[in-house]
């Protein structure tokens, strides 16, 4: 909750409250109750951890997209050459 810790919200909101989703037990206005238990781990650390855990999956997806893009370019160049060789012109 917050970028680094839940207290990041104190400076952003300019008062000592946090959004309700920072509470471990969520109920209406739980972020205004100073005695609540808040999630202490920030989003930045969680996102960094998730990216580190899934870097192989993300790399595989990126490589698949790259191959699809390269195949699309190759097929479009082949199609262009075939149309160009046949001598047919586009007429509007």
N, C-alpha and C. Protein backbone atom coordinates (compact mmCIF):
# COMPACT_ATOMS: atom_id res chain seq x y z
N UNK A 1 0.85 -1.17 0.00
CA UNK A 1 0.00 0.00 0.00
C UNK A 1 0.89 1.23 0.00
N UNK A 2 0.72 2.09 -0.96
CA UNK A 2 1.65 3.19 -1.16
C UNK A 2 2.79 2.72 -2.04
N UNK A 3 3.70 3.60 -2.39
CA UNK A 3 4.82 3.19 -3.23
C UNK A 3 5.81 2.36 -2.42
N UNK A 4 6.22 2.88 -1.28
CA UNK A 4 7.16 2.16 -0.43
C UNK A 4 6.50 1.58 0.82
N UNK A 5 5.74 2.41 1.54
CA UNK A 5 5.00 1.98 2.74
C UNK A 5 3.68 2.74 2.78
N UNK A 6 2.81 2.35 3.69
CA UNK A 6 1.48 2.99 3.74
C UNK A 6 1.55 4.46 4.13
N UNK A 7 2.62 4.88 4.80
CA UNK A 7 2.73 6.29 5.20
C UNK A 7 2.97 7.21 4.01
N UNK A 8 3.25 6.67 2.83
CA UNK A 8 3.36 7.51 1.62
C UNK A 8 2.06 8.27 1.39
N UNK A 9 0.95 7.68 1.79
CA UNK A 9 -0.35 8.33 1.60
C UNK A 9 -0.51 9.56 2.49
N UNK A 10 0.18 9.60 3.61
CA UNK A 10 0.05 10.74 4.53
C UNK A 10 0.48 12.04 3.85
N UNK A 11 1.59 11.99 3.12
CA UNK A 11 2.05 13.20 2.43
C UNK A 11 1.19 13.49 1.21
N UNK A 12 0.73 12.46 0.52
CA UNK A 12 -0.08 12.67 -0.68
C UNK A 12 -1.45 13.26 -0.34
N UNK A 13 -2.06 12.77 0.73
CA UNK A 13 -3.39 13.24 1.12
C UNK A 13 -3.34 14.40 2.12
N UNK A 14 -2.14 14.71 2.61
CA UNK A 14 -1.89 15.79 3.56
C UNK A 14 -2.68 15.64 4.86
N UNK A 15 -2.93 14.42 5.24
CA UNK A 15 -3.48 14.10 6.56
C UNK A 15 -3.14 12.64 6.85
N UNK A 16 -3.24 12.25 8.10
CA UNK A 16 -2.81 10.90 8.49
C UNK A 16 -3.92 9.88 8.27
N UNK A 17 -4.28 9.70 7.01
CA UNK A 17 -5.25 8.68 6.62
C UNK A 17 -4.67 7.92 5.43
N UNK A 18 -5.21 6.77 5.19
CA UNK A 18 -4.83 5.96 4.03
C UNK A 18 -6.11 5.49 3.35
N UNK A 19 -6.04 5.10 2.07
CA UNK A 19 -7.24 4.54 1.42
C UNK A 19 -7.68 3.25 2.11
N UNK A 20 -8.95 2.95 2.00
CA UNK A 20 -9.50 1.76 2.67
C UNK A 20 -8.84 0.46 2.20
N UNK A 21 -8.37 0.42 0.96
CA UNK A 21 -7.76 -0.83 0.47
C UNK A 21 -6.42 -1.13 1.14
N UNK A 22 -5.88 -0.19 1.92
CA UNK A 22 -4.64 -0.43 2.66
C UNK A 22 -4.89 -1.23 3.95
N UNK A 23 -6.13 -1.32 4.37
CA UNK A 23 -6.46 -2.03 5.61
C UNK A 23 -6.43 -3.54 5.36
N UNK A 24 -5.94 -4.28 6.35
CA UNK A 24 -5.96 -5.73 6.22
C UNK A 24 -7.38 -6.26 6.35
N UNK A 25 -8.21 -5.63 7.18
CA UNK A 25 -9.64 -5.95 7.27
C UNK A 25 -10.39 -4.73 6.74
N UNK A 26 -10.94 -4.85 5.55
CA UNK A 26 -11.53 -3.70 4.89
C UNK A 26 -12.98 -3.49 5.32
N UNK A 27 -13.29 -2.27 5.72
CA UNK A 27 -14.66 -1.82 5.97
C UNK A 27 -14.69 -0.32 5.70
N UNK A 28 -15.85 0.26 5.67
CA UNK A 28 -16.02 1.67 5.34
C UNK A 28 -15.19 2.56 6.28
N UNK A 29 -14.38 3.42 5.73
CA UNK A 29 -13.53 4.38 6.46
C UNK A 29 -12.53 3.72 7.40
N UNK A 30 -12.11 2.51 7.10
CA UNK A 30 -11.11 1.86 7.96
C UNK A 30 -9.75 2.56 7.87
N UNK A 31 -9.49 3.27 6.76
CA UNK A 31 -8.22 3.98 6.61
C UNK A 31 -8.09 5.19 7.50
N UNK A 32 -9.19 5.62 8.10
CA UNK A 32 -9.15 6.78 9.00
C UNK A 32 -8.88 6.35 10.45
N UNK A 33 -8.95 5.06 10.71
CA UNK A 33 -8.76 4.55 12.07
C UNK A 33 -7.28 4.24 12.28
N UNK A 34 -6.62 5.00 13.14
CA UNK A 34 -5.17 4.86 13.35
C UNK A 34 -4.79 3.55 14.02
N UNK A 35 -5.75 2.86 14.63
CA UNK A 35 -5.42 1.61 15.33
C UNK A 35 -5.49 0.39 14.41
N UNK A 36 -5.91 0.58 13.16
CA UNK A 36 -6.01 -0.55 12.23
C UNK A 36 -4.64 -1.08 11.83
N UNK A 37 -4.65 -2.32 11.38
CA UNK A 37 -3.43 -2.88 10.82
C UNK A 37 -3.47 -2.64 9.31
N UNK A 38 -2.43 -2.00 8.81
CA UNK A 38 -2.34 -1.69 7.39
C UNK A 38 -1.31 -2.60 6.73
N UNK A 39 -1.48 -2.83 5.44
CA UNK A 39 -0.47 -3.55 4.68
C UNK A 39 0.78 -2.69 4.66
N UNK A 40 1.91 -3.26 5.03
CA UNK A 40 3.13 -2.47 5.15
C UNK A 40 3.98 -2.50 3.89
N UNK A 41 3.83 -3.53 3.08
CA UNK A 41 4.66 -3.63 1.88
C UNK A 41 4.11 -2.71 0.80
N UNK A 42 5.00 -1.94 0.18
CA UNK A 42 4.58 -1.00 -0.87
C UNK A 42 4.36 -1.69 -2.20
N UNK A 43 3.68 -0.97 -3.10
CA UNK A 43 3.38 -1.51 -4.43
C UNK A 43 4.64 -1.68 -5.26
N UNK A 44 5.59 -0.76 -5.13
CA UNK A 44 6.81 -0.83 -5.93
C UNK A 44 7.53 -2.14 -5.69
N UNK A 45 7.67 -2.50 -4.43
CA UNK A 45 8.35 -3.74 -4.08
C UNK A 45 7.59 -4.96 -4.60
N UNK A 46 6.26 -4.92 -4.51
CA UNK A 46 5.43 -6.03 -4.99
C UNK A 46 5.54 -6.18 -6.51
N UNK A 47 5.48 -5.07 -7.24
CA UNK A 47 5.58 -5.11 -8.70
C UNK A 47 6.96 -5.60 -9.11
N UNK A 48 7.99 -5.10 -8.43
CA UNK A 48 9.35 -5.53 -8.72
C UNK A 48 9.51 -7.03 -8.49
N UNK A 49 8.93 -7.53 -7.41
CA UNK A 49 8.97 -8.96 -7.09
C UNK A 49 8.23 -9.78 -8.15
N UNK A 50 7.05 -9.29 -8.58
CA UNK A 50 6.27 -10.01 -9.59
C UNK A 50 7.02 -10.06 -10.92
N UNK A 51 7.61 -8.93 -11.32
CA UNK A 51 8.37 -8.90 -12.57
C UNK A 51 9.57 -9.85 -12.50
N UNK A 52 10.24 -9.89 -11.36
CA UNK A 52 11.38 -10.79 -11.20
C UNK A 52 10.94 -12.25 -11.27
N UNK A 53 9.80 -12.57 -10.67
CA UNK A 53 9.29 -13.95 -10.70
C UNK A 53 8.82 -14.37 -12.09
N UNK A 54 8.37 -13.43 -12.90
CA UNK A 54 7.78 -13.75 -14.20
C UNK A 54 8.60 -13.28 -15.39
N UNK A 55 9.88 -12.99 -15.19
CA UNK A 55 10.69 -12.46 -16.29
C UNK A 55 10.83 -13.45 -17.44
N UNK A 56 10.87 -14.74 -17.16
CA UNK A 56 10.98 -15.72 -18.23
C UNK A 56 9.70 -15.76 -19.07
N UNK A 57 8.56 -15.69 -18.41
CA UNK A 57 7.28 -15.66 -19.12
C UNK A 57 7.16 -14.40 -19.97
N UNK A 58 7.53 -13.26 -19.40
CA UNK A 58 7.46 -12.00 -20.15
C UNK A 58 8.42 -12.01 -21.33
N UNK A 59 9.60 -12.58 -21.16
CA UNK A 59 10.56 -12.69 -22.25
C UNK A 59 10.04 -13.60 -23.36
N UNK A 60 9.41 -14.70 -22.98
CA UNK A 60 8.85 -15.62 -23.97
C UNK A 60 7.74 -14.95 -24.76
N UNK A 61 6.87 -14.23 -24.09
CA UNK A 61 5.79 -13.51 -24.77
C UNK A 61 6.36 -12.47 -25.73
N UNK A 62 7.38 -11.74 -25.29
CA UNK A 62 8.01 -10.73 -26.14
C UNK A 62 8.64 -11.37 -27.38
N UNK A 63 9.27 -12.51 -27.21
CA UNK A 63 9.88 -13.20 -28.36
C UNK A 63 8.81 -13.70 -29.32
N UNK A 64 7.70 -14.19 -28.82
CA UNK A 64 6.60 -14.64 -29.69
C UNK A 64 6.04 -13.48 -30.49
N UNK A 65 5.86 -12.34 -29.85
CA UNK A 65 5.37 -11.15 -30.56
C UNK A 65 6.37 -10.74 -31.63
N UNK A 66 7.66 -10.80 -31.31
CA UNK A 66 8.70 -10.46 -32.28
C UNK A 66 8.64 -11.38 -33.49
N UNK A 67 8.51 -12.67 -33.28
CA UNK A 67 8.45 -13.63 -34.39
C UNK A 67 7.21 -13.37 -35.24
N UNK A 68 6.08 -13.13 -34.62
CA UNK A 68 4.85 -12.84 -35.37
C UNK A 68 5.02 -11.58 -36.21
N UNK A 69 5.63 -10.55 -35.65
CA UNK A 69 5.86 -9.31 -36.39
C UNK A 69 6.80 -9.54 -37.57
N UNK A 70 7.86 -10.30 -37.36
CA UNK A 70 8.80 -10.58 -38.45
C UNK A 70 8.15 -11.41 -39.55
N UNK A 71 7.34 -12.40 -39.17
CA UNK A 71 6.62 -13.19 -40.17
C UNK A 71 5.64 -12.32 -40.95
N UNK A 72 4.95 -11.43 -40.28
CA UNK A 72 4.04 -10.52 -40.95
C UNK A 72 4.76 -9.64 -41.95
N UNK A 73 5.93 -9.14 -41.58
CA UNK A 73 6.72 -8.31 -42.50
C UNK A 73 7.18 -9.13 -43.70
N UNK A 74 7.64 -10.36 -43.46
CA UNK A 74 8.11 -11.21 -44.55
C UNK A 74 6.97 -11.54 -45.51
N UNK A 75 5.81 -11.89 -44.98
CA UNK A 75 4.67 -12.20 -45.85
C UNK A 75 4.19 -10.98 -46.62
N UNK A 76 4.21 -9.81 -45.99
CA UNK A 76 3.77 -8.60 -46.70
C UNK A 76 4.75 -8.24 -47.81
N UNK A 77 6.05 -8.43 -47.58
CA UNK A 77 7.03 -8.16 -48.65
C UNK A 77 6.88 -9.16 -49.79
N UNK A 78 6.61 -10.42 -49.46
CA UNK A 78 6.38 -11.43 -50.49
C UNK A 78 5.14 -11.10 -51.31
N UNK A 79 4.07 -10.71 -50.65
CA UNK A 79 2.85 -10.32 -51.34
C UNK A 79 3.09 -9.12 -52.25
N UNK A 80 3.84 -8.14 -51.77
CA UNK A 80 4.16 -6.97 -52.57
C UNK A 80 4.92 -7.37 -53.82
N UNK A 81 5.91 -8.24 -53.67
CA UNK A 81 6.70 -8.69 -54.82
C UNK A 81 5.82 -9.44 -55.83
N UNK A 82 4.93 -10.29 -55.36
CA UNK A 82 4.05 -11.03 -56.26
C UNK A 82 3.13 -10.09 -57.04
N UNK A 83 2.59 -9.10 -56.38
CA UNK A 83 1.71 -8.13 -57.06
C UNK A 83 2.52 -7.31 -58.04
N UNK A 84 3.71 -6.91 -57.64
CA UNK A 84 4.57 -6.09 -58.51
C UNK A 84 4.98 -6.87 -59.76
N UNK A 85 5.31 -8.16 -59.62
CA UNK A 85 5.72 -8.99 -60.76
C UNK A 85 4.57 -9.24 -61.73
N UNK A 86 3.36 -9.34 -61.21
CA UNK A 86 2.23 -9.63 -62.09
C UNK A 86 1.85 -8.42 -62.94
N UNK A 87 2.35 -7.26 -62.57
CA UNK A 87 2.10 -6.06 -63.37
C UNK A 87 0.75 -5.43 -63.14
N UNK A 88 -0.02 -5.94 -62.21
CA UNK A 88 -1.33 -5.36 -61.95
C UNK A 88 -1.16 -4.07 -61.15
N UNK A 89 -1.90 -3.08 -61.54
CA UNK A 89 -1.85 -1.80 -60.86
C UNK A 89 -3.15 -1.58 -60.10
N UNK A 90 -3.08 -0.84 -59.05
CA UNK A 90 -4.26 -0.51 -58.26
C UNK A 90 -5.00 0.62 -58.96
N UNK A 91 -6.29 0.43 -59.16
CA UNK A 91 -7.10 1.46 -59.79
C UNK A 91 -8.18 1.91 -58.82
N UNK A 92 -8.22 3.21 -58.60
CA UNK A 92 -9.20 3.75 -57.66
C UNK A 92 -10.52 4.02 -58.34
